[in-house]
Structure formats: C-alpha cells, structure tokens
N, C-alpha and C. Protein backbone atom coordinates (compact mmCIF):
# COMPACT_ATOMS: atom_id res chain seq x y z
N UNK A 1 0.84 -1.19 0.00
CA UNK A 1 0.00 0.00 0.00
C UNK A 1 0.88 1.25 0.00
N UNK A 2 0.41 2.24 -0.70
CA UNK A 2 1.17 3.49 -0.82
C UNK A 2 0.38 4.62 -0.17
N UNK A 3 1.11 5.48 0.50
CA UNK A 3 0.50 6.67 1.11
C UNK A 3 1.19 7.90 0.59
N UNK A 4 0.40 8.90 0.29
CA UNK A 4 0.92 10.22 -0.09
C UNK A 4 0.30 11.23 0.87
N UNK A 5 1.15 11.92 1.59
CA UNK A 5 0.65 12.81 2.65
C UNK A 5 1.25 14.20 2.49
N UNK A 6 0.38 15.18 2.47
CA UNK A 6 0.82 16.58 2.42
C UNK A 6 0.87 17.16 3.82
N UNK A 7 1.73 18.15 3.98
CA UNK A 7 1.77 18.93 5.22
C UNK A 7 2.09 20.37 4.87
N UNK A 8 1.83 21.23 5.83
CA UNK A 8 2.03 22.65 5.59
C UNK A 8 0.69 23.29 5.27
N UNK A 9 0.73 24.40 4.61
CA UNK A 9 -0.49 25.11 4.32
C UNK A 9 -0.92 25.95 5.51
N UNK A 10 -2.06 26.58 5.37
CA UNK A 10 -2.57 27.42 6.44
C UNK A 10 -3.01 28.76 5.92
N UNK A 11 -3.04 29.71 6.83
CA UNK A 11 -3.51 31.07 6.51
C UNK A 11 -2.35 32.03 6.50
N UNK A 12 -2.28 32.86 5.48
CA UNK A 12 -1.20 33.84 5.36
C UNK A 12 -1.75 35.10 4.71
N UNK A 13 -1.15 36.22 5.03
CA UNK A 13 -1.57 37.47 4.39
C UNK A 13 -0.96 37.58 3.00
N UNK A 14 -1.62 38.34 2.16
CA UNK A 14 -1.11 38.58 0.82
C UNK A 14 0.31 39.15 0.90
N UNK A 15 1.16 38.63 0.03
CA UNK A 15 2.55 39.04 0.04
C UNK A 15 3.43 38.15 0.90
N UNK A 16 2.83 37.29 1.67
CA UNK A 16 3.56 36.41 2.56
C UNK A 16 4.04 35.15 1.87
N UNK A 17 4.63 34.28 2.67
CA UNK A 17 5.20 33.03 2.16
C UNK A 17 4.67 31.84 2.94
N UNK A 18 4.68 30.71 2.28
CA UNK A 18 4.21 29.47 2.90
C UNK A 18 4.91 28.31 2.22
N UNK A 19 5.12 27.23 2.97
CA UNK A 19 5.73 26.05 2.39
C UNK A 19 4.86 24.84 2.54
N UNK A 20 4.85 24.01 1.51
CA UNK A 20 4.12 22.74 1.55
C UNK A 20 5.12 21.60 1.37
N UNK A 21 4.84 20.49 2.02
CA UNK A 21 5.65 19.30 1.85
C UNK A 21 4.76 18.11 1.51
N UNK A 22 5.33 17.17 0.79
CA UNK A 22 4.60 15.96 0.42
C UNK A 22 5.55 14.78 0.55
N UNK A 23 5.08 13.73 1.20
CA UNK A 23 5.89 12.54 1.38
C UNK A 23 5.13 11.31 0.91
N UNK A 24 5.80 10.50 0.10
CA UNK A 24 5.24 9.23 -0.34
C UNK A 24 5.91 8.11 0.45
N UNK A 25 5.11 7.16 0.89
CA UNK A 25 5.67 6.07 1.68
C UNK A 25 4.90 4.78 1.40
N UNK A 26 5.45 3.69 1.88
CA UNK A 26 4.80 2.40 1.69
C UNK A 26 5.56 1.52 0.72
N UNK A 27 4.81 0.70 -0.01
CA UNK A 27 5.40 -0.26 -0.92
C UNK A 27 5.76 0.43 -2.24
N UNK A 28 6.94 1.03 -2.28
CA UNK A 28 7.36 1.82 -3.44
C UNK A 28 8.60 1.22 -4.07
N UNK A 29 8.52 0.95 -5.36
CA UNK A 29 9.69 0.53 -6.11
C UNK A 29 10.39 1.75 -6.71
N UNK A 30 9.60 2.60 -7.34
CA UNK A 30 10.17 3.82 -7.92
C UNK A 30 9.07 4.88 -8.06
N UNK A 31 9.51 6.12 -8.09
CA UNK A 31 8.59 7.24 -8.28
C UNK A 31 9.07 8.07 -9.47
N UNK A 32 8.18 8.31 -10.40
CA UNK A 32 8.53 9.14 -11.54
C UNK A 32 8.16 10.59 -11.23
N UNK A 33 7.27 11.11 -11.98
CA UNK A 33 6.86 12.50 -11.88
C UNK A 33 6.07 12.76 -10.60
N UNK A 34 6.45 13.81 -9.88
CA UNK A 34 5.72 14.25 -8.69
C UNK A 34 5.29 15.68 -8.92
N UNK A 35 4.14 16.08 -8.38
CA UNK A 35 3.62 17.41 -8.69
C UNK A 35 2.61 17.88 -7.66
N UNK A 36 2.34 19.17 -7.75
CA UNK A 36 1.33 19.82 -6.94
C UNK A 36 0.22 20.35 -7.86
N UNK A 37 -0.99 20.07 -7.44
CA UNK A 37 -2.16 20.64 -8.08
C UNK A 37 -2.85 21.53 -7.05
N UNK A 38 -3.72 22.38 -7.53
CA UNK A 38 -4.59 23.10 -6.60
C UNK A 38 -5.99 23.18 -7.20
N UNK A 39 -6.92 23.29 -6.29
CA UNK A 39 -8.30 23.48 -6.70
C UNK A 39 -8.82 24.72 -6.00
N UNK A 40 -8.99 25.77 -6.74
CA UNK A 40 -9.51 27.01 -6.19
C UNK A 40 -11.03 26.94 -6.14
N UNK A 41 -11.64 27.73 -5.29
CA UNK A 41 -13.11 27.69 -5.15
C UNK A 41 -13.83 27.84 -6.48
N UNK A 42 -14.71 26.92 -6.76
CA UNK A 42 -15.54 26.94 -7.97
C UNK A 42 -14.73 26.83 -9.26
N UNK A 43 -13.52 26.28 -9.17
CA UNK A 43 -12.71 26.11 -10.36
C UNK A 43 -12.20 24.67 -10.45
N UNK A 44 -11.77 24.29 -11.63
CA UNK A 44 -11.24 22.95 -11.81
C UNK A 44 -9.84 22.85 -11.23
N UNK A 45 -9.47 21.64 -10.92
CA UNK A 45 -8.13 21.39 -10.42
C UNK A 45 -7.12 21.73 -11.52
N UNK A 46 -6.03 22.40 -11.12
CA UNK A 46 -5.00 22.79 -12.09
C UNK A 46 -3.62 22.40 -11.59
N UNK A 47 -2.75 22.10 -12.53
CA UNK A 47 -1.38 21.74 -12.21
C UNK A 47 -0.60 23.00 -11.87
N UNK A 48 -0.01 23.03 -10.70
CA UNK A 48 0.74 24.20 -10.24
C UNK A 48 2.22 24.06 -10.54
N UNK A 49 2.79 22.93 -10.18
CA UNK A 49 4.21 22.72 -10.40
C UNK A 49 4.49 21.22 -10.38
N UNK A 50 5.47 20.81 -11.19
CA UNK A 50 5.84 19.41 -11.23
C UNK A 50 7.34 19.27 -11.32
N UNK A 51 7.83 18.08 -10.95
CA UNK A 51 9.26 17.83 -10.98
C UNK A 51 9.52 16.37 -11.28
N UNK A 52 10.47 16.11 -12.18
CA UNK A 52 10.81 14.75 -12.54
C UNK A 52 11.89 14.21 -11.59
N UNK A 53 12.19 12.93 -11.74
CA UNK A 53 13.24 12.32 -10.93
C UNK A 53 14.57 13.03 -11.16
N UNK A 54 14.79 13.46 -12.37
CA UNK A 54 16.04 14.12 -12.71
C UNK A 54 16.09 15.59 -12.34
N UNK A 55 14.99 16.12 -11.84
CA UNK A 55 14.99 17.50 -11.37
C UNK A 55 14.43 18.52 -12.35
N UNK A 56 13.94 18.08 -13.48
CA UNK A 56 13.32 19.01 -14.41
C UNK A 56 11.98 19.46 -13.85
N UNK A 57 11.73 20.76 -13.97
CA UNK A 57 10.53 21.33 -13.36
C UNK A 57 9.64 22.01 -14.40
N UNK A 58 8.38 22.14 -14.05
CA UNK A 58 7.46 22.92 -14.86
C UNK A 58 6.50 23.62 -13.92
N UNK A 59 6.04 24.78 -14.32
CA UNK A 59 5.19 25.62 -13.47
C UNK A 59 4.01 26.19 -14.24
N UNK A 60 2.93 26.38 -13.51
CA UNK A 60 1.82 27.15 -14.01
C UNK A 60 2.30 28.58 -14.25
N UNK A 61 1.91 29.17 -15.35
CA UNK A 61 2.42 30.48 -15.71
C UNK A 61 2.24 31.50 -14.61
N UNK A 62 1.11 31.47 -13.94
CA UNK A 62 0.79 32.50 -12.94
C UNK A 62 1.62 32.37 -11.66
N UNK A 63 2.34 31.27 -11.47
CA UNK A 63 3.15 31.12 -10.25
C UNK A 63 4.65 31.18 -10.54
N UNK A 64 5.02 31.27 -11.80
CA UNK A 64 6.44 31.33 -12.16
C UNK A 64 7.10 32.54 -11.49
N UNK A 65 8.26 32.29 -10.91
CA UNK A 65 8.98 33.35 -10.22
C UNK A 65 8.57 33.52 -8.77
N UNK A 66 7.46 32.93 -8.39
CA UNK A 66 6.99 33.03 -7.00
C UNK A 66 7.04 31.70 -6.26
N UNK A 67 6.80 30.61 -6.98
CA UNK A 67 6.79 29.27 -6.37
C UNK A 67 8.03 28.50 -6.83
N UNK A 68 8.54 27.66 -5.94
CA UNK A 68 9.66 26.81 -6.28
C UNK A 68 9.38 25.40 -5.78
N UNK A 69 9.49 24.44 -6.68
CA UNK A 69 9.31 23.04 -6.30
C UNK A 69 10.68 22.39 -6.21
N UNK A 70 10.84 21.52 -5.21
CA UNK A 70 12.09 20.79 -5.05
C UNK A 70 11.77 19.37 -4.65
N UNK A 71 12.78 18.53 -4.75
CA UNK A 71 12.54 17.10 -4.54
C UNK A 71 13.74 16.45 -3.87
N UNK A 72 13.46 15.50 -3.00
CA UNK A 72 14.49 14.66 -2.39
C UNK A 72 14.17 13.22 -2.77
N UNK A 73 14.87 12.69 -3.74
CA UNK A 73 14.56 11.35 -4.23
C UNK A 73 14.82 10.28 -3.16
N UNK A 74 15.80 10.50 -2.32
CA UNK A 74 16.11 9.52 -1.28
C UNK A 74 14.99 9.40 -0.25
N UNK A 75 14.30 10.51 -0.02
CA UNK A 75 13.24 10.52 0.98
C UNK A 75 11.85 10.43 0.36
N UNK A 76 11.77 10.41 -0.96
CA UNK A 76 10.47 10.37 -1.66
C UNK A 76 9.60 11.55 -1.26
N UNK A 77 10.20 12.71 -1.24
CA UNK A 77 9.45 13.91 -0.86
C UNK A 77 9.61 15.01 -1.89
N UNK A 78 8.62 15.88 -1.92
CA UNK A 78 8.72 17.13 -2.67
C UNK A 78 8.25 18.26 -1.77
N UNK A 79 8.78 19.43 -2.03
CA UNK A 79 8.37 20.63 -1.31
C UNK A 79 7.92 21.67 -2.31
N UNK A 80 7.09 22.56 -1.86
CA UNK A 80 6.68 23.70 -2.67
C UNK A 80 6.81 24.94 -1.81
N UNK A 81 7.77 25.78 -2.16
CA UNK A 81 7.94 27.04 -1.47
C UNK A 81 7.19 28.12 -2.23
N UNK A 82 6.29 28.80 -1.53
CA UNK A 82 5.43 29.80 -2.18
C UNK A 82 5.71 31.16 -1.57
N UNK A 83 6.04 32.10 -2.43
CA UNK A 83 6.34 33.47 -2.00
C UNK A 83 5.42 34.45 -2.72
N UNK A 84 5.38 35.66 -2.18
CA UNK A 84 4.55 36.72 -2.78
C UNK A 84 3.15 36.21 -3.06
N UNK A 85 2.59 35.56 -2.07
CA UNK A 85 1.28 34.93 -2.25
C UNK A 85 0.18 35.97 -2.48
N UNK A 86 -0.78 35.58 -3.29
CA UNK A 86 -1.90 36.43 -3.66
C UNK A 86 -3.20 35.76 -3.22
N UNK A 87 -4.24 36.52 -3.02
CA UNK A 87 -5.53 35.92 -2.66
C UNK A 87 -5.98 34.86 -3.67
N UNK A 88 -5.65 35.06 -4.93
CA UNK A 88 -6.04 34.08 -5.95
C UNK A 88 -5.25 32.77 -5.87
N UNK A 89 -4.27 32.70 -5.00
CA UNK A 89 -3.57 31.43 -4.75
C UNK A 89 -4.33 30.56 -3.75
N UNK A 90 -5.37 31.11 -3.17
CA UNK A 90 -6.17 30.35 -2.21
C UNK A 90 -6.79 29.13 -2.85
N UNK A 91 -6.70 28.01 -2.14
CA UNK A 91 -7.29 26.79 -2.63
C UNK A 91 -6.80 25.59 -1.85
N UNK A 92 -7.25 24.43 -2.26
CA UNK A 92 -6.76 23.19 -1.69
C UNK A 92 -5.64 22.68 -2.59
N UNK A 93 -4.50 22.43 -2.00
CA UNK A 93 -3.33 21.97 -2.75
C UNK A 93 -3.16 20.47 -2.55
N UNK A 94 -3.05 19.77 -3.67
CA UNK A 94 -2.92 18.32 -3.67
C UNK A 94 -1.56 17.90 -4.22
N UNK A 95 -1.00 16.88 -3.62
CA UNK A 95 0.22 16.28 -4.12
C UNK A 95 -0.15 15.01 -4.90
N UNK A 96 0.54 14.80 -6.00
CA UNK A 96 0.33 13.58 -6.79
C UNK A 96 1.69 13.00 -7.16
N UNK A 97 1.77 11.69 -7.16
CA UNK A 97 3.03 11.01 -7.47
C UNK A 97 2.75 9.79 -8.34
N UNK A 98 3.55 9.65 -9.38
CA UNK A 98 3.44 8.50 -10.28
C UNK A 98 4.38 7.41 -9.78
N UNK A 99 3.81 6.33 -9.28
CA UNK A 99 4.56 5.33 -8.52
C UNK A 99 4.43 3.94 -9.11
N UNK A 100 5.55 3.24 -9.12
CA UNK A 100 5.55 1.81 -9.41
C UNK A 100 5.80 1.10 -8.08
N UNK A 101 4.98 0.08 -7.81
CA UNK A 101 5.14 -0.63 -6.54
C UNK A 101 6.06 -1.84 -6.67
N UNK A 102 6.25 -2.34 -7.90
CA UNK A 102 7.21 -3.40 -8.15
C UNK A 102 7.88 -3.12 -9.49
N UNK A 103 8.91 -3.88 -9.80
CA UNK A 103 9.64 -3.66 -11.05
C UNK A 103 8.74 -3.93 -12.25
N UNK A 104 7.73 -4.79 -12.10
CA UNK A 104 6.87 -5.16 -13.21
C UNK A 104 5.54 -4.42 -13.24
N UNK A 105 5.27 -3.64 -12.23
CA UNK A 105 3.95 -3.00 -12.15
C UNK A 105 3.86 -1.80 -13.09
N UNK A 106 2.64 -1.43 -13.38
CA UNK A 106 2.46 -0.21 -14.17
C UNK A 106 2.59 0.99 -13.25
N UNK A 107 2.77 2.13 -13.86
CA UNK A 107 2.82 3.37 -13.09
C UNK A 107 1.40 3.79 -12.74
N UNK A 108 1.19 4.11 -11.49
CA UNK A 108 -0.14 4.53 -11.03
C UNK A 108 0.00 5.84 -10.28
N UNK A 109 -0.92 6.73 -10.53
CA UNK A 109 -0.87 8.02 -9.85
C UNK A 109 -1.57 7.94 -8.50
N UNK A 110 -0.83 8.26 -7.47
CA UNK A 110 -1.35 8.28 -6.10
C UNK A 110 -1.51 9.73 -5.66
N UNK A 111 -2.60 10.00 -4.97
CA UNK A 111 -2.93 11.36 -4.55
C UNK A 111 -2.96 11.49 -3.03
N UNK A 112 -2.59 12.68 -2.57
CA UNK A 112 -2.78 12.99 -1.18
C UNK A 112 -4.18 13.53 -0.94
N UNK A 113 -4.49 13.80 0.33
CA UNK A 113 -5.82 14.26 0.68
C UNK A 113 -6.00 15.76 0.48
N UNK A 114 -4.92 16.46 0.32
CA UNK A 114 -5.01 17.90 0.10
C UNK A 114 -4.79 18.69 1.36
N UNK A 115 -4.28 19.89 1.18
CA UNK A 115 -4.07 20.81 2.31
C UNK A 115 -4.53 22.20 1.90
N UNK A 116 -5.19 22.87 2.82
CA UNK A 116 -5.78 24.17 2.50
C UNK A 116 -4.75 25.29 2.60
N UNK A 117 -4.73 26.13 1.60
CA UNK A 117 -3.94 27.36 1.62
C UNK A 117 -4.91 28.52 1.45
N UNK A 118 -4.87 29.43 2.40
CA UNK A 118 -5.75 30.59 2.34
C UNK A 118 -4.91 31.86 2.42
N UNK A 119 -5.05 32.71 1.43
CA UNK A 119 -4.30 33.96 1.39
C UNK A 119 -5.30 35.10 1.55
N UNK A 120 -5.15 35.84 2.64
CA UNK A 120 -6.08 36.93 2.91
C UNK A 120 -5.57 38.23 2.31
N UNK A 121 -6.48 39.07 1.90
CA UNK A 121 -6.10 40.33 1.26
C UNK A 121 -5.94 41.45 2.27
C-alpha cells in the first residue's frame, strides 16, 4: 500500500510566504513525476508545479517566479515554497506522485488528501 501525505499550508496574508511538503511512503519501487495541483473555489483542479526524478521542473504560468518546487529522491518527498502569495492562490493543494510498486507493475498516480492554503487580502 502506498500513502501520499501533504503537510504545511494554512492562513497567510497577501505578500507572505508558505511552504508545503509531500511525502510518499509504503510499498514503493520507484517514483517518476511528482507534482502539486490546486483546486480554487468553484474552479477545476489545475497543475501548479511538477518535478521529474532528474529535477526538471514545470510551473503554471501564474506562479512562475513566485513558487519553487524541489525534490528529495532519497526521501520520496517534494516541497513547494510559495512566496509573494496572492488571494487568488487560495485553494486546496494536492500532491500527486506516479509510482511503481514493483519492477513489473504499471505506473499509477497516487494522490494525497489535500491541504488548505488561504491567502487573505
């Protein structure tokens, strides 16, 4: 069984900073792409930032220059450092990881439960 757990989040004023962490654990053979999504109120879930095993990153245009994703392959974790936060960054942030549980298994995307980020104006 695989678990993906987010931590961090909370309430911050506009212009402030916040960090999120995500850890994958359990029966893991390998992890490919790991990423953060968010779901803002009354909007569809969107990809915020992603990172490959090799460290290649991609970002949602609106967070470029403000958010930084990083990864520790040895610990199966990713972090998201968020700066210059805006009220429109408010939402539930989800971690997702593409995981193989054995050498022969297919890659399956595992999701965390989400963590709330609220940016007040």
